[in-house]
Each structure stands twice: as C-alpha cells, then as structure tokens.
C-alpha cells in the first residue's frame, strides 16, 4: 500500500481532473431556479433577538478564576424557505454581537456567526437532480474540555465550515430497476489554526436497485470511490462495493444478505485496511407503525452488525438503533449525528397536519413557544484527523400530550482509532498522543415542556454525558441544566426567561471542574 502525502496550503487544495461538471453545477442550478417551471413558494423570515444575560463564569474557567459579567447581546437572523414540485430549499443565518459589563473576563468572544443551508432540486425531470448543503457552526476541539453551552465562551471551541454539492442522474428501467449515478464534492474548513486541517473530497458512486417487477425478491448493487485531499494526512482513497439480496418469506418478514469489498488508504495501526465483507439479517414490518431491521456480519476490521427499530403511536415515536461503521471527524461534520428536533416533531405531527408546508410552520412555531433547541445535544464530536471505528447504540422517544411534550434520547458510543497517532500530532502533545486512541461516551438528553396557557409555556432540559479515554484514564463529566418560561406576546413577538447551570472539565491538562450559573432574558421579534 502506497500513500502519497502532500504539503497543502490552508486555502488552496488539490483539484481533481474532470471536475468541470461540478464547478458548472451551481450555474446550472441558478438557471433552473429562474425558469418558469420552477416557481416556488418562497418565505423570508427576518428575526431580531435581544438578549440580556448574567453569567458567574463567562469563560468556563476554573471556579477560583471565574469572572461574572452581564452580557448584552443583539442577534439578527434570517430564514429562507422555498418549496415547489422541483425544489426544496431551507437556509438560515444568524449573527450575534456581545457587549460585557466586566471587561476583566477571559475566554470571551466578541461575536458569533452560524449558518446552514440544504437544497434538493430537479434540474431535468426523471433524469438530473442536484443536492447541496452548507453549514457553519461552533464545534468542540476536544471531548475533554468544556462543551459550548453558550455562544460567547471561547474555551475549547472552533468555527467549522462545511459545504457539499452533488449532481446525480437517475433512470428507471421500467419496473425492473432504477440506476443512480452520482458525483459529489465536499469540503470541511476551519481547522488550520488548531491542527485539524482543511480537507476536500471528490466522490463517484453508482447504485442499481431492483424495482417492483419482482416484489418477493429484491436486489441492489453499490459502488463508490472517494479521493480526499487533507492538509494533515495528505491524499487518501476509499473504495466500497456491495451487492445485496432481499427475499420475502412471509407477508411481514424478509431475509437480507450482502457481500462486498472495502478498500481504505490511511496510515494504519495494522496492515489490514481492506478486505471482503458479508452480512445476513432480516426486516420485520407487521404494520406501517412498526419496523425492525437487524443484521450481523464481518468486515475487514472484524465482526459487525446493525439494528434499527421504530414504533409509532398517535402520540409518541420510539426508536432504537445500533451501528458499527468506519468514520472520520470530517464525515461526522458533513453528516452530523445530532438528533434533529424538527424532524422528530415533524414525524409526530404528520397525522394531524398532512400538508408538509403547514406542518413545518406548526413545528417551528411549537419549538419557539416551547423553547426547544434545533437539535438534541448528543455525543461530542471532537477534532481528529484519524480514521476511526465507531460503535454506537442510541434510543429516543418523542411524546406529545394535550398540554405537554417530552423528547428523550440516550446513547452509548465506543470509538477506536484505526490510523496512526502521528496524524493527530498537530492536535495533541506527545505526552497525550494516545488520548483519542480508544474512547467511551455515554449519556442522556431530556427536553420537556408544559403549556400553562395558550400563550405561556414552562420548559426544562437536562443533558448529562461521561467521556473516558480508555488509554489514559482521563474523564470528563458534563452536566447542563436549563429551566425557564416562554411567552408569546403576539404573533410576532416572543419572550423567555431561563436559568442555566453547567459543569465540566477545564481541559486536557487541567483536571479541575468548572461551574457556571446564568440567568438569561430574551426578546424575539419576527418581521
């Protein structure tokens, strides 16, 4: 196995031959959006939030070094949505500016920016489609430091920016099969100054899936090839191929099997970075409300398996999943693992509000009044340049009563490094080079609200997690508690008052804990 390294600048990465089609994709997408056939229902929502907080530990530092301060905050934001038969578009951007009453504070930021965008477009009906996304947000540098529980603390955080664009062709061979050929380009940036490094990847994938012509015997074939260029690890290549069968043995039960081959290029802890794969399992779906999928098999790194079960009632959704995959920090940023609150509520409200546009508006209004976050805090995705094996068990339940709702998630995650420690030498000091070699995380997240009246709700959230480095013994116990009330003064103005308490570890080199207590008053005006 040969790996070619590259000395790449922070702003200019390797370009792949034949990427002209990808560079022209945004122009083709823009031309399509201006066409008469793609008239969408657009909604632009400007919002201004004014927030006054008092924190007794602004920078999440050791208790004896803590400094209290009032923080005045202005946060204008903009949300844009578009929906038509050929386009689904969602984008939001927010900028926050802070002013402190106590100038003698450490680890405090002057401003914060975050944005997100997703788009799904049909460029040519029944042939050419385009997916695109972009995101910029604050992320934790290490799992063994403060987890950003507010946007003004600078300790253990960095800004990560991602984007991806993926045109693909799809053709149906009658009822026999469907062919999808996809090109993708994606980027993860923001790690130049902290040792994480910027990266750029190009992926080619082909999928052939059987159609309804043979309802009792289904099959699929997949092949993907990715070239990635990264500042810290040079050029790497990944290839995955897979063929699968699904046979229905009863009206509600199907047996599944797959065979394939994986080939990875990275500086490995062992010589084995490729090999055949196989799996066997079943799909049991006794009704539209219940589904269970399970498989067991083997890949080049050892035994593996998966599990995915869901159950839905009129007022609740239950889910339990297990996955065992090869992953990287950059891929987790491109496909974040955090639970999407809006998506969970969207499934819960589907029966009462069948129209997707109306349902989205109801969900957003409900989240604003209940004080629910965009995502449920999950395991900590810390910075690393290494390939990792990630085994994750996660359960969640969403419940909605007449005047209350509950969102609960629990997780347990084991991450084992597959590539060499040297790839994280710019992130970790020599004496702690094995910190991220083998980590264990487990925790829970609870969000609850109760409607006191048609305009006023009480809400509470609790997040707890324990992270442990199994090689060094270093741990981080994280607790975050928030209770408050929110009120809707009219259709455009909302207000809230929250009390917050949080604790965690100061950092990798300091085993002391920090504690923060804060009171936050927010006024939100929608135009």
Protein backbone atom coordinates (compact mmCIF):
# COMPACT_ATOMS: atom_id res chain seq x y z
CA UNK A 1 0.00 0.00 0.00
CA UNK A 2 1.39 3.38 -1.01
CA UNK A 3 0.18 6.68 0.37
CA UNK A 4 1.34 9.94 -1.16
CA UNK A 5 1.44 12.87 1.20
CA UNK A 6 1.00 16.46 0.11
CA UNK A 7 2.01 19.79 1.56
CA UNK A 8 -1.20 21.75 1.09
CA UNK A 9 -1.77 25.38 1.96
CA UNK A 10 -4.64 26.43 4.18
CA UNK A 11 -6.61 27.99 1.33
CA UNK A 12 -5.68 26.01 -1.77
CA UNK A 13 -6.28 22.28 -2.01
CA UNK A 14 -5.72 19.75 -4.75
CA UNK A 15 -8.13 19.84 -7.72
CA UNK A 16 -9.20 16.67 -9.46
CA UNK A 17 -9.25 16.31 -13.23
CA UNK A 18 -12.70 16.20 -14.75
CA UNK A 19 -14.30 18.34 -12.03
CA UNK A 20 -15.56 20.92 -14.54
CA UNK A 21 -19.08 19.49 -14.40
CA UNK A 22 -19.16 20.03 -10.65
CA UNK A 23 -17.92 23.61 -10.99
CA UNK A 24 -20.68 24.32 -13.54
CA UNK A 25 -23.38 22.77 -11.36
CA UNK A 26 -24.14 25.95 -9.33
CA UNK A 27 -24.65 27.89 -12.60
CA UNK A 28 -26.99 25.22 -13.93
CA UNK A 29 -28.88 25.22 -10.64
CA UNK A 30 -29.21 29.01 -10.67
CA UNK A 31 -30.52 28.95 -14.27
CA UNK A 32 -33.05 26.31 -13.29
CA UNK A 33 -34.30 28.38 -10.35
CA UNK A 34 -35.01 31.28 -12.70
CA UNK A 35 -37.02 29.16 -15.12
CA UNK A 36 -40.80 29.35 -15.31
CA UNK A 37 -41.10 25.65 -14.46
CA UNK A 38 -39.51 26.15 -11.05
CA UNK A 39 -41.68 28.81 -9.44
CA UNK A 40 -41.51 28.07 -5.73
CA UNK A 41 -43.41 29.40 -2.75
CA UNK A 42 -40.74 31.46 -1.04
CA UNK A 43 -40.89 32.63 2.54
CA UNK A 44 -38.33 35.04 4.01
CA UNK A 45 -38.43 35.49 7.79
CA UNK A 46 -36.17 38.11 9.44
CA UNK A 47 -35.90 37.87 13.23
CA UNK A 48 -34.09 40.04 15.77
CA UNK A 49 -33.30 38.70 19.21
CA UNK A 50 -32.25 40.94 22.09
CA UNK A 51 -30.77 39.04 24.99
CA UNK A 52 -29.54 40.12 28.42
CA UNK A 53 -27.64 37.56 30.49
CA UNK A 54 -25.72 37.35 33.71
CA UNK A 55 -23.12 34.59 34.00
CA UNK A 56 -20.91 33.99 37.02
CA UNK A 57 -18.31 32.22 34.84
CA UNK A 58 -18.31 33.76 31.37
CA UNK A 59 -15.31 31.84 30.00
CA UNK A 60 -15.98 28.43 31.61
CA UNK A 61 -12.71 28.60 33.56
CA UNK A 62 -11.75 27.19 36.97
CA UNK A 63 -14.01 28.37 39.79
CA UNK A 64 -11.25 30.37 41.50
CA UNK A 65 -10.55 32.22 38.26
CA UNK A 66 -14.18 32.81 37.31
CA UNK A 67 -15.38 36.32 36.48
CA UNK A 68 -19.03 37.32 36.44
CA UNK A 69 -20.50 39.75 33.95
CA UNK A 70 -23.69 41.00 32.38
CA UNK A 71 -23.72 40.19 28.66
CA UNK A 72 -25.83 42.30 26.30
CA UNK A 73 -26.49 40.59 23.02
CA UNK A 74 -28.07 41.52 19.69
CA UNK A 75 -28.73 38.65 17.30
CA UNK A 76 -30.32 39.35 13.91
CA UNK A 77 -31.16 36.26 11.84
CA UNK A 78 -32.76 35.38 8.54
CA UNK A 79 -34.58 32.22 7.46
CA UNK A 80 -35.44 31.47 3.83
CA UNK A 81 -37.58 28.54 2.67
CA UNK A 82 -38.72 27.61 -0.82
CA UNK A 83 -40.94 24.74 -1.89
CA UNK A 84 -42.16 23.68 -5.33
CA UNK A 85 -42.60 20.37 -7.20
CA UNK A 86 -38.98 20.74 -8.37
CA UNK A 87 -37.29 22.43 -5.43
CA UNK A 88 -36.92 22.12 -1.66
CA UNK A 89 -34.78 24.87 -0.14
CA UNK A 90 -34.08 25.74 3.51
CA UNK A 91 -31.50 28.25 4.71
CA UNK A 92 -30.83 30.22 7.89
CA UNK A 93 -28.11 32.59 9.06
CA UNK A 94 -27.52 34.30 12.39
CA UNK A 95 -25.00 36.85 13.66
CA UNK A 96 -24.52 37.66 17.34
CA UNK A 97 -22.73 40.64 18.87
CA UNK A 98 -21.79 40.74 22.57
CA UNK A 99 -21.06 43.58 25.00
CA UNK A 100 -19.76 42.83 28.53
CA UNK A 101 -20.21 44.92 31.67
CA UNK A 102 -17.00 43.44 33.10
CA UNK A 103 -14.03 43.90 30.78
CA UNK A 104 -11.87 41.73 33.06
CA UNK A 105 -13.18 38.47 31.61
CA UNK A 106 -11.18 35.71 29.93
CA UNK A 107 -12.11 33.31 27.13
CA UNK A 108 -14.94 35.59 25.98
CA UNK A 109 -15.84 36.20 22.35
CA UNK A 110 -16.98 39.47 20.76
CA UNK A 111 -19.31 37.93 18.17
CA UNK A 112 -20.57 34.68 16.70
CA UNK A 113 -21.78 33.62 13.26
CA UNK A 114 -23.61 30.50 12.20
CA UNK A 115 -25.47 29.41 9.10
CA UNK A 116 -26.99 26.36 7.41
CA UNK A 117 -28.47 25.55 4.01
CA UNK A 118 -29.93 22.49 2.31
CA UNK A 119 -31.35 22.26 -1.21
CA UNK A 120 -32.86 19.45 -3.28
CA UNK A 121 -33.61 20.31 -6.91
CA UNK A 122 -34.89 18.52 -10.01
CA UNK A 123 -32.92 20.03 -12.88
CA UNK A 124 -34.39 17.73 -15.58
CA UNK A 125 -37.44 15.71 -14.68
CA UNK A 126 -36.85 11.97 -14.38
CA UNK A 127 -33.15 12.45 -15.16
CA UNK A 128 -30.95 15.08 -13.47
CA UNK A 129 -31.11 16.06 -9.78
CA UNK A 130 -28.92 18.22 -7.52
CA UNK A 131 -28.38 18.12 -3.75
CA UNK A 132 -26.44 20.88 -2.00
CA UNK A 133 -25.70 21.88 1.59
CA UNK A 134 -23.58 24.30 3.61
CA UNK A 135 -23.05 24.79 7.32
CA UNK A 136 -21.02 26.96 9.65
CA UNK A 137 -21.13 26.43 13.42
CA UNK A 138 -19.13 26.27 16.63
CA UNK A 139 -17.67 22.85 17.48
CA UNK A 140 -15.75 21.40 20.40
CA UNK A 141 -11.99 20.95 19.88
CA UNK A 142 -11.66 18.18 22.50
CA UNK A 143 -14.09 15.89 24.28
CA UNK A 144 -12.10 16.55 27.47
CA UNK A 145 -12.89 20.24 27.84
CA UNK A 146 -15.93 22.49 28.21
CA UNK A 147 -18.72 21.70 25.76
CA UNK A 148 -20.01 25.01 24.31
CA UNK A 149 -23.19 25.61 26.33
CA UNK A 150 -23.34 29.27 25.35
CA UNK A 151 -22.22 31.10 22.24
CA UNK A 152 -19.95 33.67 23.94
CA UNK A 153 -17.45 31.35 25.69
CA UNK A 154 -14.26 30.83 23.65
CA UNK A 155 -12.83 27.93 25.67
CA UNK A 156 -12.45 24.63 23.75
CA UNK A 157 -14.33 25.79 20.65
CA UNK A 158 -13.59 26.48 17.00
CA UNK A 159 -15.62 27.51 13.95
CA UNK A 160 -16.08 24.74 11.38
CA UNK A 161 -17.42 25.41 7.88
CA UNK A 162 -18.66 22.71 5.50
CA UNK A 163 -20.21 22.62 2.05
CA UNK A 164 -21.18 19.90 -0.40
CA UNK A 165 -22.72 19.75 -3.86
CA UNK A 166 -23.87 16.59 -5.57
CA UNK A 167 -25.50 16.33 -9.02
CA UNK A 168 -26.80 12.89 -9.93
CA UNK A 169 -28.54 11.11 -12.78
CA UNK A 170 -31.44 8.75 -12.14
CA UNK A 171 -33.03 6.47 -14.74
CA UNK A 172 -35.80 3.91 -14.31
CA UNK A 173 -35.74 0.79 -16.44
CA UNK A 174 -39.50 0.34 -16.27
CA UNK A 175 -40.47 -1.73 -13.25
CA UNK A 176 -37.24 -3.73 -13.40
CA UNK A 177 -34.62 -1.46 -11.79
CA UNK A 178 -33.51 2.11 -11.05
CA UNK A 179 -29.99 3.37 -11.78
CA UNK A 180 -28.45 6.33 -9.89
CA UNK A 181 -25.05 7.77 -10.84
CA UNK A 182 -23.75 10.48 -8.54
CA UNK A 183 -20.83 12.93 -8.42
CA UNK A 184 -20.13 14.79 -5.19
CA UNK A 185 -17.68 17.41 -3.98
CA UNK A 186 -17.45 18.40 -0.31
CA UNK A 187 -15.19 20.47 1.90
CA UNK A 188 -14.52 20.86 5.63
CA UNK A 189 -12.64 24.01 6.70
CA UNK A 190 -11.76 25.91 9.84
CA UNK A 191 -9.10 23.71 11.35
CA UNK A 192 -5.91 25.36 10.06
CA UNK A 193 -5.02 27.13 13.30
CA UNK A 194 -5.80 24.26 15.68
CA UNK A 195 -4.11 21.31 13.92
CA UNK A 196 -7.26 19.77 12.47
CA UNK A 197 -6.62 20.92 8.93
CA UNK A 198 -8.82 21.71 5.93
CA UNK A 199 -9.87 18.96 3.53
CA UNK A 200 -11.56 18.50 0.17
CA UNK A 201 -13.09 15.31 -1.23
CA UNK A 202 -14.49 14.10 -4.54
CA UNK A 203 -16.79 11.06 -4.70
CA UNK A 204 -18.21 8.99 -7.56
CA UNK A 205 -20.98 6.49 -6.80
CA UNK A 206 -23.29 4.17 -8.73
CA UNK A 207 -26.36 2.42 -7.33
CA UNK A 208 -28.59 -0.09 -9.15
CA UNK A 209 -31.72 -1.12 -7.24
CA UNK A 210 -34.43 -3.56 -8.28
CA UNK A 211 -37.95 -2.29 -8.97
CA UNK A 212 -41.44 -3.58 -8.18
CA UNK A 213 -41.42 -6.13 -11.04
CA UNK A 214 -40.30 -8.80 -8.58
CA UNK A 215 -41.95 -7.98 -5.22
CA UNK A 216 -40.70 -11.08 -3.42
CA UNK A 217 -37.04 -10.87 -4.47
CA UNK A 218 -35.20 -7.56 -4.30
CA UNK A 219 -31.57 -6.84 -5.10
CA UNK A 220 -29.15 -3.90 -5.13
CA UNK A 221 -25.60 -3.14 -6.29
CA UNK A 222 -23.46 -0.26 -4.97
CA UNK A 223 -20.02 1.10 -5.83
CA UNK A 224 -18.33 4.28 -4.59
CA UNK A 225 -14.86 5.77 -4.95
CA UNK A 226 -13.66 8.78 -2.94
CA UNK A 227 -10.45 10.78 -3.31
CA UNK A 228 -9.70 13.08 -0.38
CA UNK A 229 -7.00 15.71 -0.03
CA UNK A 230 -6.23 16.88 3.52
CA UNK A 231 -3.64 19.24 4.95
CA UNK A 232 -2.55 16.94 7.78
CA UNK A 233 -2.88 13.48 6.22
CA UNK A 234 -2.19 14.07 2.51
CA UNK A 235 -4.12 12.25 -0.22
CA UNK A 236 -6.21 9.19 0.62
CA UNK A 237 -8.54 6.95 -1.39
CA UNK A 238 -11.57 4.92 -0.31
CA UNK A 239 -13.46 2.30 -2.34
CA UNK A 240 -16.58 0.42 -1.29
CA UNK A 241 -18.53 -2.14 -3.29
CA UNK A 242 -21.59 -4.05 -2.17
CA UNK A 243 -24.27 -6.38 -3.58
CA UNK A 244 -27.39 -7.28 -1.64
CA UNK A 245 -30.45 -9.54 -1.79
CA UNK A 246 -33.79 -9.29 0.00
CA UNK A 247 -36.24 -12.21 -0.07
CA UNK A 248 -39.76 -12.02 1.36
CA UNK A 249 -40.54 -15.26 3.18
CA UNK A 250 -43.84 -14.03 4.68
CA UNK A 251 -46.15 -11.07 4.29
CA UNK A 252 -44.34 -9.11 7.03
CA UNK A 253 -40.91 -10.76 7.09
CA UNK A 254 -37.96 -10.56 4.68
CA UNK A 255 -34.48 -12.06 4.87
CA UNK A 256 -31.49 -9.96 3.76
CA UNK A 257 -27.88 -10.67 2.79
CA UNK A 258 -24.94 -8.70 1.40
CA UNK A 259 -21.44 -9.37 0.07
CA UNK A 260 -18.86 -6.72 -0.78
CA UNK A 261 -15.33 -5.43 -0.60
CA UNK A 262 -13.83 -2.42 1.24
CA UNK A 263 -10.53 -0.73 0.45
CA UNK A 264 -9.20 2.15 2.53
CA UNK A 265 -5.91 4.04 2.33
CA UNK A 266 -4.65 5.52 5.58
CA UNK A 267 -1.60 5.21 7.84
CA UNK A 268 -2.94 2.17 9.67
CA UNK A 269 -2.25 0.73 13.12
CA UNK A 270 -2.39 -2.69 11.43
CA UNK A 271 -1.55 -3.81 7.91
CA UNK A 272 -5.16 -4.72 7.22
CA UNK A 273 -7.06 -1.78 5.65
CA UNK A 274 -9.07 -3.72 3.08
CA UNK A 275 -10.93 -6.96 2.68
CA UNK A 276 -14.22 -8.68 1.85
CA UNK A 277 -17.42 -8.12 3.77
CA UNK A 278 -20.65 -10.06 4.28
CA UNK A 279 -23.81 -9.81 6.33
CA UNK A 280 -27.12 -11.57 6.93
CA UNK A 281 -30.27 -10.31 8.61
CA UNK A 282 -33.99 -9.67 8.45
CA UNK A 283 -36.65 -6.97 8.10
CA UNK A 284 -39.86 -7.37 10.10
CA UNK A 285 -42.69 -4.87 9.45
CA UNK A 286 -46.00 -6.08 10.87
CA UNK A 287 -47.68 -2.68 10.27
CA UNK A 288 -46.98 0.84 8.98
CA UNK A 289 -46.29 1.88 12.59
CA UNK A 290 -43.71 -0.79 13.46
CA UNK A 291 -40.48 -1.79 11.76
CA UNK A 292 -37.43 -3.78 12.88
CA UNK A 293 -34.24 -4.29 10.83
CA UNK A 294 -31.22 -6.26 12.03
CA UNK A 295 -28.05 -7.72 10.51
CA UNK A 296 -24.88 -9.48 11.57
CA UNK A 297 -21.70 -9.85 9.52
CA UNK A 298 -17.98 -9.28 9.09
CA UNK A 299 -15.80 -6.52 7.62
CA UNK A 300 -12.04 -6.10 7.32
CA UNK A 301 -11.80 -4.83 10.93
CA UNK A 302 -13.79 -7.71 12.50
CA UNK A 303 -17.31 -8.78 13.38
CA UNK A 304 -20.00 -6.16 12.90
CA UNK A 305 -23.75 -5.69 12.93
CA UNK A 306 -26.60 -3.19 12.82
CA UNK A 307 -30.05 -2.71 14.33
CA UNK A 308 -32.84 -0.24 13.58
CA UNK A 309 -36.25 -0.41 15.22
CA UNK A 310 -39.08 2.12 15.36
CA UNK A 311 -42.59 2.17 16.76
CA UNK A 312 -45.16 4.96 16.35
CA UNK A 313 -48.41 5.62 18.16
CA UNK A 314 -50.81 8.52 17.88
CA UNK A 315 -48.86 10.50 20.48
CA UNK A 316 -45.37 9.01 20.53
CA UNK A 317 -42.45 7.78 18.45
CA UNK A 318 -39.97 5.23 19.81
CA UNK A 319 -36.66 4.37 18.14
CA UNK A 320 -33.61 2.21 18.90
CA UNK A 321 -30.57 1.98 16.62
CA UNK A 322 -27.13 0.38 16.63
CA UNK A 323 -24.42 0.99 14.03
CA UNK A 324 -20.80 -0.13 13.60
CA UNK A 325 -19.00 1.93 10.95
CA UNK A 326 -15.67 3.32 9.77
CA UNK A 327 -15.80 7.10 10.04
CA UNK A 328 -13.81 10.33 10.47
CA UNK A 329 -14.43 13.61 12.24
CA UNK A 330 -14.85 15.36 8.88
CA UNK A 331 -17.55 12.94 7.75
CA UNK A 332 -19.41 13.48 11.02
CA UNK A 333 -19.36 17.24 10.40
CA UNK A 334 -20.80 16.67 6.92
CA UNK A 335 -23.44 14.29 8.28
CA UNK A 336 -23.94 15.39 11.90
CA UNK A 337 -25.18 12.75 14.31
CA UNK A 338 -27.16 15.12 16.49
CA UNK A 339 -30.88 14.41 16.64
CA UNK A 340 -32.89 16.93 14.63
CA UNK A 341 -35.70 18.21 16.89
CA UNK A 342 -37.79 19.49 13.98
CA UNK A 343 -37.52 16.14 12.16
CA UNK A 344 -38.70 14.23 15.24
CA UNK A 345 -41.66 16.56 15.75
CA UNK A 346 -42.40 16.51 12.02
CA UNK A 347 -42.99 12.75 12.16
CA UNK A 348 -45.09 13.15 15.29
CA UNK A 349 -47.31 15.84 13.74
CA UNK A 350 -47.68 14.04 10.38
CA UNK A 351 -51.09 12.58 11.21
CA UNK A 352 -52.61 15.86 12.40
CA UNK A 353 -51.08 18.06 9.67
CA UNK A 354 -50.67 16.12 6.38
CA UNK A 355 -49.65 19.22 4.36
CA UNK A 356 -45.80 19.43 4.62
CA UNK A 357 -45.69 23.26 4.39
CA UNK A 358 -48.33 23.75 7.09
CA UNK A 359 -46.70 21.06 9.23
CA UNK A 360 -43.30 22.76 9.01
CA UNK A 361 -44.82 26.07 10.13
CA UNK A 362 -46.61 24.38 13.03
CA UNK A 363 -43.41 22.62 14.13
CA UNK A 364 -41.34 25.82 14.04
CA UNK A 365 -43.98 27.75 16.00
CA UNK A 366 -44.23 24.94 18.53
CA UNK A 367 -40.44 24.81 19.03
CA UNK A 368 -40.27 28.59 19.52
CA UNK A 369 -43.01 28.63 22.14
CA UNK A 370 -41.74 25.53 23.95
CA UNK A 371 -38.13 26.74 23.97
CA UNK A 372 -36.87 23.60 22.23
CA UNK A 373 -33.37 23.61 20.68
CA UNK A 374 -32.80 22.90 16.94
CA UNK A 375 -31.01 19.67 17.83
CA UNK A 376 -30.79 17.47 20.90
CA UNK A 377 -27.25 17.55 22.28
CA UNK A 378 -25.57 14.26 21.51
CA UNK A 379 -22.15 12.66 21.92
CA UNK A 380 -19.22 15.04 21.47
CA UNK A 381 -17.67 15.07 18.00
CA UNK A 382 -14.11 16.14 18.87
CA UNK A 383 -11.43 17.11 16.35
CA UNK A 384 -9.28 14.29 14.97
CA UNK A 385 -7.51 13.57 11.67
CA UNK A 386 -7.64 9.81 12.19
CA UNK A 387 -9.88 7.11 10.74
CA UNK A 388 -11.97 5.53 13.49
CA UNK A 389 -14.23 2.58 14.11
CA UNK A 390 -17.39 3.87 15.75
CA UNK A 391 -19.87 1.58 17.55
CA UNK A 392 -22.97 3.45 18.63
CA UNK A 393 -26.18 2.45 20.43
CA UNK A 394 -28.90 5.09 20.64
CA UNK A 395 -32.50 5.20 21.79
CA UNK A 396 -35.02 8.02 21.58
CA UNK A 397 -38.65 8.73 22.35
CA UNK A 398 -40.83 11.67 21.42
CA UNK A 399 -44.10 12.15 23.26
CA UNK A 400 -46.77 14.80 22.84
CA UNK A 401 -49.71 15.16 25.19
CA UNK A 402 -52.57 17.62 25.20
CA UNK A 403 -50.52 20.27 27.04
CA UNK A 404 -47.01 18.81 27.22
CA UNK A 405 -44.24 17.22 25.21
CA UNK A 406 -41.18 15.15 26.02
CA UNK A 407 -38.08 14.46 23.91
CA UNK A 408 -35.66 11.92 25.37
CA UNK A 409 -32.51 10.39 23.89
CA UNK A 410 -29.88 8.10 25.41
CA UNK A 411 -26.65 6.92 23.81
CA UNK A 412 -23.57 4.80 24.32
CA UNK A 413 -20.65 5.13 21.93
CA UNK A 414 -17.25 3.43 21.61
CA UNK A 415 -14.63 4.88 19.25
CA UNK A 416 -11.41 3.04 18.38
CA UNK A 417 -8.71 4.66 16.22
CA UNK A 418 -7.71 2.76 13.08
CA UNK A 419 -4.94 5.05 11.82
CA UNK A 420 -1.69 6.16 13.44
CA UNK A 421 -1.23 8.61 16.32
CA UNK A 422 1.07 10.75 14.16
CA UNK A 423 -1.92 12.02 12.18
CA UNK A 424 -3.05 13.87 15.34
CA UNK A 425 0.43 15.10 16.32
CA UNK A 426 -0.58 18.69 15.49
CA UNK A 427 -3.67 18.38 17.70
CA UNK A 428 -2.27 16.59 20.75
CA UNK A 429 1.00 16.94 22.70
CA UNK A 430 3.41 13.99 22.78
CA UNK A 431 2.59 13.05 26.38
CA UNK A 432 -1.11 12.74 25.48
CA UNK A 433 -0.80 11.29 21.98
CA UNK A 434 -3.00 8.29 22.92
CA UNK A 435 -5.81 10.42 24.40
CA UNK A 436 -8.20 9.76 21.48
CA UNK A 437 -6.95 6.23 20.78
CA UNK A 438 -9.88 4.50 22.43
CA UNK A 439 -12.75 6.50 23.93
CA UNK A 440 -16.08 5.69 25.51
CA UNK A 441 -19.04 8.06 25.77
CA UNK A 442 -22.47 7.58 27.28
CA UNK A 443 -25.17 10.00 28.27
CA UNK A 444 -28.76 11.20 28.05
CA UNK A 445 -30.66 14.28 26.96
CA UNK A 446 -34.16 15.24 28.13
CA UNK A 447 -36.30 18.15 26.89
CA UNK A 448 -39.76 18.73 28.36
CA UNK A 449 -42.33 21.49 28.20
CA UNK A 450 -45.76 22.17 29.67
CA UNK A 451 -48.28 24.64 28.26
CA UNK A 452 -49.54 26.83 31.10
CA UNK A 453 -51.88 28.77 28.83
CA UNK A 454 -52.43 29.45 25.15
CA UNK A 455 -49.55 31.95 25.26
CA UNK A 456 -47.21 30.73 28.03
CA UNK A 457 -45.17 27.55 28.46
CA UNK A 458 -42.69 26.24 31.01
CA UNK A 459 -39.73 24.21 29.75
CA UNK A 460 -36.75 22.30 31.09
CA UNK A 461 -33.80 20.44 29.60
CA UNK A 462 -31.14 18.24 31.12
CA UNK A 463 -28.03 16.89 29.38
CA UNK A 464 -25.51 14.61 31.01
CA UNK A 465 -22.57 12.75 29.49
CA UNK A 466 -19.41 10.98 30.61
CA UNK A 467 -16.42 10.74 28.31
CA UNK A 468 -13.47 8.46 29.15
CA UNK A 469 -10.17 7.87 27.41
CA UNK A 470 -9.58 4.15 27.94
CA UNK A 471 -5.83 4.51 27.24
CA UNK A 472 -5.05 7.42 29.58
CA UNK A 473 -7.89 7.19 32.11
CA UNK A 474 -8.79 10.86 31.64
CA UNK A 475 -12.51 11.54 32.08
CA UNK A 476 -14.93 14.42 31.60
CA UNK A 477 -18.30 14.51 33.40
CA UNK A 478 -20.62 17.01 31.76
CA UNK A 479 -23.89 18.32 33.19
CA UNK A 480 -26.12 21.01 31.73
CA UNK A 481 -29.48 22.00 33.24
CA UNK A 482 -31.83 24.67 31.91
CA UNK A 483 -35.28 25.66 33.21
CA UNK A 484 -37.40 28.57 32.11
CA UNK A 485 -40.61 30.05 30.82
CA UNK A 486 -41.55 31.46 27.42
CA UNK A 487 -44.48 33.61 26.39
CA UNK A 488 -45.95 34.72 23.09
CA UNK A 489 -46.99 38.38 23.40
CA UNK A 490 -48.46 38.46 19.88
CA UNK A 491 -47.95 36.69 16.55
CA UNK A 492 -44.58 38.43 16.02
CA UNK A 493 -43.07 38.84 19.50
CA UNK A 494 -41.92 36.15 21.94
CA UNK A 495 -40.10 36.42 25.24
CA UNK A 496 -38.39 33.96 27.56
CA UNK A 497 -36.60 33.81 30.91
CA UNK A 498 -34.16 30.96 31.63
CA UNK A 499 -31.94 29.75 34.44
CA UNK A 500 -28.87 27.70 33.45
CA UNK A 501 -26.38 25.57 35.37
CA UNK A 502 -23.48 23.69 33.81
CA UNK A 503 -20.32 21.87 34.86
CA UNK A 504 -17.47 20.01 33.20
CA UNK A 505 -13.73 19.59 32.98
CA UNK A 506 -11.49 22.65 32.42
CA UNK A 507 -9.33 20.98 29.76
CA UNK A 508 -6.96 18.18 28.86
CA UNK A 509 -4.13 19.48 31.08
CA UNK A 510 -6.34 20.57 33.97
CA UNK A 511 -8.48 18.01 35.79
CA UNK A 512 -10.37 20.66 37.75
CA UNK A 513 -14.06 21.24 37.09
CA UNK A 514 -15.73 24.48 36.15
CA UNK A 515 -19.22 25.54 37.20
CA UNK A 516 -21.40 28.16 35.57
CA UNK A 517 -24.71 29.65 36.68
CA UNK A 518 -26.57 32.09 34.47
CA UNK A 519 -29.89 33.87 34.07
CA UNK A 520 -30.97 34.80 30.54
CA UNK A 521 -33.80 37.07 29.37
CA UNK A 522 -34.63 37.02 25.64
CA UNK A 523 -36.95 39.10 23.47
CA UNK A 524 -37.53 37.82 19.92
CA UNK A 525 -39.17 39.98 17.25
CA UNK A 526 -40.17 38.47 13.89
CA UNK A 527 -40.76 40.75 10.92
